[in-house]
C-alpha cells in the first residue's frame, strides 16, 4: 500500500532518508520527463532530477508550507530548468563571441538558433561604427588583424583594441538579454 505524499513529506522533514528515497522513486520519472521535454537533452534532464531532489533534501523544512506538492514540484522543476537553460545559453554565447565557430555548431537545447543569431546581430548593430566594422571583418568574414588594419587604414594595435572592446560589448549584451529569449521559448512549451 502506497504511503500518502503528505506522510512522506512529514517524514522527510524529520530527516528520514527512507521516506526521501520513496519520494524519489515516486517522482523521479516525472521530473525527468519535464526536464527532457524542456531541454531535449537526456544528460541535462538527468542533472535536473538530481539537482531538484538535492534541493528538496537541503530545504526540507520548506516542505511544511507546501499545500499541493505535485504543483509545487512542477514549478520547482520548470524554474530550475529555466536557470539551467539560461546558464547553458550564456556559456555558448560567450564561447561563440570569443571564437570563430559558425553559429550552426552552437545550437542550444530549447533555444531556437535563429533567435540566438538575432540576439548576436542586435549586439553587433549596437557597436560603434569602427568596432562594428573590425568585428564583422574578423568574426564574420575571417580577416586577420593585419588585414583589417590595412582595410580600415588603422594600426594593428588600434584594431586589436576595437576587437577586444567589441567582443566584450557583444558578450555583455548577450548575457543581459538571453533570459528574455529563453523565457519566451520556455513559456511557449506547454
C-alpha atoms as a PDB file:
ATOM      1  CA  UNK A   1       0.000   0.000   0.000  1.00  0.00           C
ATOM      2  CA  UNK A   2       1.369   3.365  -1.056  1.00  0.00           C
ATOM      3  CA  UNK A   3       2.011   5.914   1.667  1.00  0.00           C
ATOM      4  CA  UNK A   4       0.338   9.320   1.115  1.00  0.00           C
ATOM      5  CA  UNK A   5       2.673  12.000  -0.160  1.00  0.00           C
ATOM      6  CA  UNK A   6       1.842  14.217   2.824  1.00  0.00           C
ATOM      7  CA  UNK A   7       3.023  11.479   5.192  1.00  0.00           C
ATOM      8  CA  UNK A   8       6.259  11.086   3.215  1.00  0.00           C
ATOM      9  CA  UNK A   9       6.855  14.826   3.380  1.00  0.00           C
ATOM     10  CA  UNK A  10       6.377  14.854   7.151  1.00  0.00           C
ATOM     11  CA  UNK A  11       8.891  12.028   7.485  1.00  0.00           C
ATOM     12  CA  UNK A  12      11.357  13.817   5.168  1.00  0.00           C
ATOM     13  CA  UNK A  13      11.080  16.985   7.262  1.00  0.00           C
ATOM     14  CA  UNK A  14      12.177  14.848  10.234  1.00  0.00           C
ATOM     15  CA  UNK A  15      15.174  13.697   8.181  1.00  0.00           C
ATOM     16  CA  UNK A  16      14.097  10.149   7.322  1.00  0.00           C
ATOM     17  CA  UNK A  17      16.175   9.054   4.364  1.00  0.00           C
ATOM     18  CA  UNK A  18      13.939   6.073   3.602  1.00  0.00           C
ATOM     19  CA  UNK A  19      10.988   8.442   3.071  1.00  0.00           C
ATOM     20  CA  UNK A  20      13.149  10.594   0.821  1.00  0.00           C
ATOM     21  CA  UNK A  21      14.095   7.518  -1.222  1.00  0.00           C
ATOM     22  CA  UNK A  22      10.433   6.614  -1.572  1.00  0.00           C
ATOM     23  CA  UNK A  23       9.622  10.156  -2.733  1.00  0.00           C
ATOM     24  CA  UNK A  24      12.477   9.911  -5.226  1.00  0.00           C
ATOM     25  CA  UNK A  25      11.181   6.595  -6.571  1.00  0.00           C
ATOM     26  CA  UNK A  26       7.704   8.056  -6.890  1.00  0.00           C
ATOM     27  CA  UNK A  27       8.584  11.311  -8.688  1.00  0.00           C
ATOM     28  CA  UNK A  28      11.967  10.988 -10.409  1.00  0.00           C
ATOM     29  CA  UNK A  29      10.488   9.854 -13.740  1.00  0.00           C
ATOM     30  CA  UNK A  30       8.004  12.737 -13.779  1.00  0.00           C
ATOM     31  CA  UNK A  31      10.797  15.254 -13.128  1.00  0.00           C
ATOM     32  CA  UNK A  32      12.973  13.637 -15.788  1.00  0.00           C
ATOM     33  CA  UNK A  33      10.115  13.826 -18.309  1.00  0.00           C
ATOM     34  CA  UNK A  34       9.561  17.547 -17.691  1.00  0.00           C
ATOM     35  CA  UNK A  35      13.301  18.247 -17.861  1.00  0.00           C
ATOM     36  CA  UNK A  36      13.697  16.263 -21.063  1.00  0.00           C
ATOM     37  CA  UNK A  37      10.642  17.856 -22.682  1.00  0.00           C
ATOM     38  CA  UNK A  38      12.000  21.346 -21.997  1.00  0.00           C
ATOM     39  CA  UNK A  39      15.654  20.695 -22.878  1.00  0.00           C
ATOM     40  CA  UNK A  40      15.607  17.754 -25.314  1.00  0.00           C
ATOM     41  CA  UNK A  41      18.735  16.511 -23.555  1.00  0.00           C
ATOM     42  CA  UNK A  42      18.968  13.260 -21.575  1.00  0.00           C
ATOM     43  CA  UNK A  43      22.069  14.438 -19.738  1.00  0.00           C
ATOM     44  CA  UNK A  44      20.577  17.765 -18.705  1.00  0.00           C
ATOM     45  CA  UNK A  45      17.286  16.094 -17.710  1.00  0.00           C
ATOM     46  CA  UNK A  46      19.186  13.619 -15.504  1.00  0.00           C
ATOM     47  CA  UNK A  47      21.090  16.508 -13.903  1.00  0.00           C
ATOM     48  CA  UNK A  48      17.805  18.315 -13.297  1.00  0.00           C
ATOM     49  CA  UNK A  49      16.424  15.274 -11.445  1.00  0.00           C
ATOM     50  CA  UNK A  50      19.476  15.146  -9.183  1.00  0.00           C
ATOM     51  CA  UNK A  51      19.518  18.912  -8.589  1.00  0.00           C
ATOM     52  CA  UNK A  52      15.802  19.095  -7.773  1.00  0.00           C
ATOM     53  CA  UNK A  53      15.977  16.239  -5.276  1.00  0.00           C
ATOM     54  CA  UNK A  54      19.103  17.721  -3.719  1.00  0.00           C
ATOM     55  CA  UNK A  55      17.184  20.988  -3.324  1.00  0.00           C
ATOM     56  CA  UNK A  56      14.254  19.171  -1.734  1.00  0.00           C
ATOM     57  CA  UNK A  57      16.506  17.418   0.770  1.00  0.00           C
ATOM     58  CA  UNK A  58      18.580  20.502   1.607  1.00  0.00           C
ATOM     59  CA  UNK A  59      15.477  22.683   2.037  1.00  0.00           C
ATOM     60  CA  UNK A  60      13.223  20.042   3.583  1.00  0.00           C
ATOM     61  CA  UNK A  61      11.939  22.463   6.245  1.00  0.00           C
ATOM     62  CA  UNK A  62      10.164  24.390   3.439  1.00  0.00           C
ATOM     63  CA  UNK A  63       8.022  21.307   2.785  1.00  0.00           C
ATOM     64  CA  UNK A  64       5.897  22.225   5.833  1.00  0.00           C
ATOM     65  CA  UNK A  65       4.477  25.168   3.885  1.00  0.00           C
ATOM     66  CA  UNK A  66       3.703  23.226   0.688  1.00  0.00           C
ATOM     67  CA  UNK A  67      -0.044  22.806   0.140  1.00  0.00           C
ATOM     68  CA  UNK A  68      -0.068  20.941  -3.196  1.00  0.00           C
ATOM     69  CA  UNK A  69       3.182  19.023  -3.572  1.00  0.00           C
ATOM     70  CA  UNK A  70       2.859  17.986  -7.232  1.00  0.00           C
ATOM     71  CA  UNK A  71       2.063  21.534  -8.399  1.00  0.00           C
ATOM     72  CA  UNK A  72       4.904  22.888  -6.249  1.00  0.00           C
ATOM     73  CA  UNK A  73       7.269  20.269  -7.637  1.00  0.00           C
ATOM     74  CA  UNK A  74       6.415  21.164 -11.258  1.00  0.00           C
ATOM     75  CA  UNK A  75       7.141  24.822 -10.548  1.00  0.00           C
ATOM     76  CA  UNK A  76      10.488  23.922  -8.937  1.00  0.00           C
ATOM     77  CA  UNK A  77      11.429  21.765 -11.940  1.00  0.00           C
ATOM     78  CA  UNK A  78      10.427  24.403 -14.508  1.00  0.00           C
ATOM     79  CA  UNK A  79      12.263  27.178 -12.660  1.00  0.00           C
ATOM     80  CA  UNK A  80      15.380  25.061 -12.265  1.00  0.00           C
ATOM     81  CA  UNK A  81      15.254  24.091 -15.951  1.00  0.00           C
ATOM     82  CA  UNK A  82      14.974  27.753 -16.952  1.00  0.00           C
ATOM     83  CA  UNK A  83      18.049  28.526 -14.841  1.00  0.00           C
ATOM     84  CA  UNK A  84      19.975  25.663 -16.457  1.00  0.00           C
ATOM     85  CA  UNK A  85      18.994  26.779 -19.976  1.00  0.00           C
ATOM     86  CA  UNK A  86      19.992  30.350 -19.174  1.00  0.00           C
ATOM     87  CA  UNK A  87      23.409  29.218 -17.935  1.00  0.00           C
ATOM     88  CA  UNK A  88      23.992  26.963 -20.959  1.00  0.00           C
ATOM     89  CA  UNK A  89      22.915  29.674 -23.400  1.00  0.00           C
ATOM     90  CA  UNK A  90      25.201  32.227 -21.738  1.00  0.00           C
ATOM     91  CA  UNK A  91      28.151  29.865 -21.868  1.00  0.00           C
ATOM     92  CA  UNK A  92      27.554  29.123 -25.540  1.00  0.00           C
ATOM     93  CA  UNK A  93      27.066  32.756 -26.472  1.00  0.00           C
ATOM     94  CA  UNK A  94      30.282  33.686 -24.702  1.00  0.00           C
ATOM     95  CA  UNK A  95      32.086  30.864 -26.477  1.00  0.00           C
ATOM     96  CA  UNK A  96      30.692  31.927 -29.849  1.00  0.00           C
ATOM     97  CA  UNK A  97      31.549  35.575 -29.307  1.00  0.00           C
ATOM     98  CA  UNK A  98      35.118  34.646 -28.336  1.00  0.00           C
ATOM     99  CA  UNK A  99      35.690  32.110 -31.086  1.00  0.00           C
ATOM    100  CA  UNK A 100      35.289  31.797 -34.808  1.00  0.00           C
ATOM    101  CA  UNK A 101      32.774  28.971 -34.519  1.00  0.00           C
ATOM    102  CA  UNK A 102      29.927  29.119 -37.017  1.00  0.00           C
ATOM    103  CA  UNK A 103      26.572  29.734 -35.313  1.00  0.00           C
ATOM    104  CA  UNK A 104      25.075  26.452 -36.506  1.00  0.00           C
ATOM    105  CA  UNK A 105      27.519  24.478 -34.345  1.00  0.00           C
ATOM    106  CA  UNK A 106      26.237  26.121 -31.182  1.00  0.00           C
ATOM    107  CA  UNK A 107      22.603  25.099 -31.057  1.00  0.00           C
ATOM    108  CA  UNK A 108      21.334  25.367 -27.507  1.00  0.00           C
ATOM    109  CA  UNK A 109      18.699  22.892 -26.320  1.00  0.00           C
ATOM    110  CA  UNK A 110      15.343  24.586 -26.032  1.00  0.00           C
ATOM    111  CA  UNK A 111      16.527  27.714 -27.810  1.00  0.00           C
ATOM    112  CA  UNK A 112      15.980  28.440 -31.490  1.00  0.00           C
ATOM    113  CA  UNK A 113      19.197  29.119 -33.412  1.00  0.00           C
ATOM    114  CA  UNK A 114      17.645  31.996 -35.342  1.00  0.00           C
ATOM    115  CA  UNK A 115      16.859  33.711 -32.033  1.00  0.00           C
ATOM    116  CA  UNK A 116      20.476  33.350 -30.911  1.00  0.00           C
ATOM    117  CA  UNK A 117      21.713  34.727 -34.232  1.00  0.00           C
ATOM    118  CA  UNK A 118      19.234  37.606 -33.992  1.00  0.00           C
ATOM    119  CA  UNK A 119      20.451  38.449 -30.484  1.00  0.00           C
ATOM    120  CA  UNK A 120      24.093  38.414 -31.572  1.00  0.00           C
ATOM    121  CA  UNK A 121      23.319  40.551 -34.627  1.00  0.00           C
ATOM    122  CA  UNK A 122      21.461  43.021 -32.433  1.00  0.00           C
ATOM    123  CA  UNK A 123      24.529  43.234 -30.184  1.00  0.00           C
ATOM    124  CA  UNK A 124      26.779  43.822 -33.213  1.00  0.00           C
ATOM    125  CA  UNK A 125      24.451  46.509 -34.583  1.00  0.00           C
ATOM    126  CA  UNK A 126      24.782  48.456 -31.319  1.00  0.00           C
ATOM    127  CA  UNK A 127      28.578  48.683 -31.583  1.00  0.00           C
ATOM    128  CA  UNK A 128      30.302  51.962 -32.502  1.00  0.00           C
ATOM    129  CA  UNK A 129      30.983  52.036 -36.240  1.00  0.00           C
ATOM    130  CA  UNK A 130      34.737  51.294 -36.131  1.00  0.00           C
ATOM    131  CA  UNK A 131      34.332  48.453 -33.619  1.00  0.00           C
ATOM    132  CA  UNK A 132      31.472  47.028 -35.637  1.00  0.00           C
ATOM    133  CA  UNK A 133      33.452  47.073 -38.871  1.00  0.00           C
ATOM    134  CA  UNK A 134      36.511  45.443 -37.255  1.00  0.00           C
ATOM    135  CA  UNK A 135      34.345  42.825 -35.519  1.00  0.00           C
ATOM    136  CA  UNK A 136      32.425  41.894 -38.681  1.00  0.00           C
ATOM    137  CA  UNK A 137      35.600  41.705 -40.759  1.00  0.00           C
ATOM    138  CA  UNK A 138      37.242  39.457 -38.171  1.00  0.00           C
ATOM    139  CA  UNK A 139      34.472  37.253 -36.770  1.00  0.00           C
ATOM    140  CA  UNK A 140      32.117  37.001 -39.736  1.00  0.00           C
ATOM    141  CA  UNK A 141      34.381  37.423 -42.740  1.00  0.00           C
ATOM    142  CA  UNK A 142      37.505  35.811 -41.316  1.00  0.00           C
ATOM    143  CA  UNK A 143      40.067  38.562 -41.930  1.00  0.00           C
ATOM    144  CA  UNK A 144      43.183  38.609 -39.754  1.00  0.00           C
ATOM    145  CA  UNK A 145      44.081  41.633 -37.620  1.00  0.00           C
ATOM    146  CA  UNK A 146      46.801  42.833 -40.021  1.00  0.00           C
ATOM    147  CA  UNK A 147      44.412  42.599 -42.976  1.00  0.00           C
ATOM    148  CA  UNK A 148      41.755  44.545 -41.079  1.00  0.00           C
ATOM    149  CA  UNK A 149      44.334  47.205 -40.189  1.00  0.00           C
ATOM    150  CA  UNK A 150      45.136  47.585 -43.872  1.00  0.00           C
ATOM    151  CA  UNK A 151      41.466  47.650 -44.950  1.00  0.00           C
ATOM    152  CA  UNK A 152      40.477  50.179 -42.279  1.00  0.00           C
ATOM    153  CA  UNK A 153      43.706  52.176 -42.553  1.00  0.00           C
ATOM    154  CA  UNK A 154      44.401  51.768 -38.825  1.00  0.00           C
ATOM    155  CA  UNK A 155      47.285  50.469 -36.752  1.00  0.00           C
ATOM    156  CA  UNK A 156      47.281  46.813 -35.687  1.00  0.00           C
ATOM    157  CA  UNK A 157      47.157  47.956 -32.051  1.00  0.00           C
ATOM    158  CA  UNK A 158      44.017  50.036 -32.718  1.00  0.00           C
ATOM    159  CA  UNK A 159      42.329  47.110 -34.490  1.00  0.00           C
ATOM    160  CA  UNK A 160      43.139  44.813 -31.566  1.00  0.00           C
ATOM    161  CA  UNK A 161      41.623  47.354 -29.163  1.00  0.00           C
ATOM    162  CA  UNK A 162      38.497  47.642 -31.329  1.00  0.00           C
ATOM    163  CA  UNK A 163      38.131  43.841 -31.435  1.00  0.00           C
ATOM    164  CA  UNK A 164      38.640  43.494 -27.691  1.00  0.00           C
ATOM    165  CA  UNK A 165      36.079  46.207 -26.900  1.00  0.00           C
ATOM    166  CA  UNK A 166      33.599  44.884 -29.480  1.00  0.00           C
ATOM    167  CA  UNK A 167      33.839  41.312 -28.184  1.00  0.00           C
ATOM    168  CA  UNK A 168      33.327  42.476 -24.597  1.00  0.00           C
ATOM    169  CA  UNK A 169      30.278  44.526 -25.660  1.00  0.00           C
ATOM    170  CA  UNK A 170      28.726  41.656 -27.613  1.00  0.00           C
ATOM    171  CA  UNK A 171      29.213  39.263 -24.695  1.00  0.00           C
ATOM    172  CA  UNK A 172      27.770  41.747 -22.185  1.00  0.00           C
ATOM    173  CA  UNK A 173      24.753  42.492 -24.381  1.00  0.00           C
ATOM    174  CA  UNK A 174      24.024  38.805 -24.934  1.00  0.00           C
ATOM    175  CA  UNK A 175      24.390  37.982 -21.234  1.00  0.00           C
ATOM    176  CA  UNK A 176      21.948  40.747 -20.339  1.00  0.00           C
ATOM    177  CA  UNK A 177      19.331  39.743 -22.926  1.00  0.00           C
ATOM    178  CA  UNK A 178      19.464  35.940 -23.143  1.00  0.00           C
ATOM    179  CA  UNK A 179      16.921  35.457 -20.323  1.00  0.00           C
ATOM    180  CA  UNK A 180      14.211  37.108 -22.431  1.00  0.00           C
ATOM    181  CA  UNK A 181      14.707  34.644 -25.301  1.00  0.00           C
ATOM    182  CA  UNK A 182      14.847  31.640 -23.005  1.00  0.00           C
ATOM    183  CA  UNK A 183      11.736  32.784 -21.158  1.00  0.00           C
ATOM    184  CA  UNK A 184       9.806  33.136 -24.431  1.00  0.00           C
ATOM    185  CA  UNK A 185      10.902  29.680 -25.622  1.00  0.00           C
ATOM    186  CA  UNK A 186      10.295  28.198 -22.160  1.00  0.00           C
ATOM    187  CA  UNK A 187       6.780  29.650 -21.865  1.00  0.00           C
ATOM    188  CA  UNK A 188       5.854  28.590 -25.394  1.00  0.00           C
ATOM    189  CA  UNK A 189       6.436  24.911 -24.444  1.00  0.00           C
ATOM    190  CA  UNK A 190       3.344  23.814 -22.564  1.00  0.00           C
END
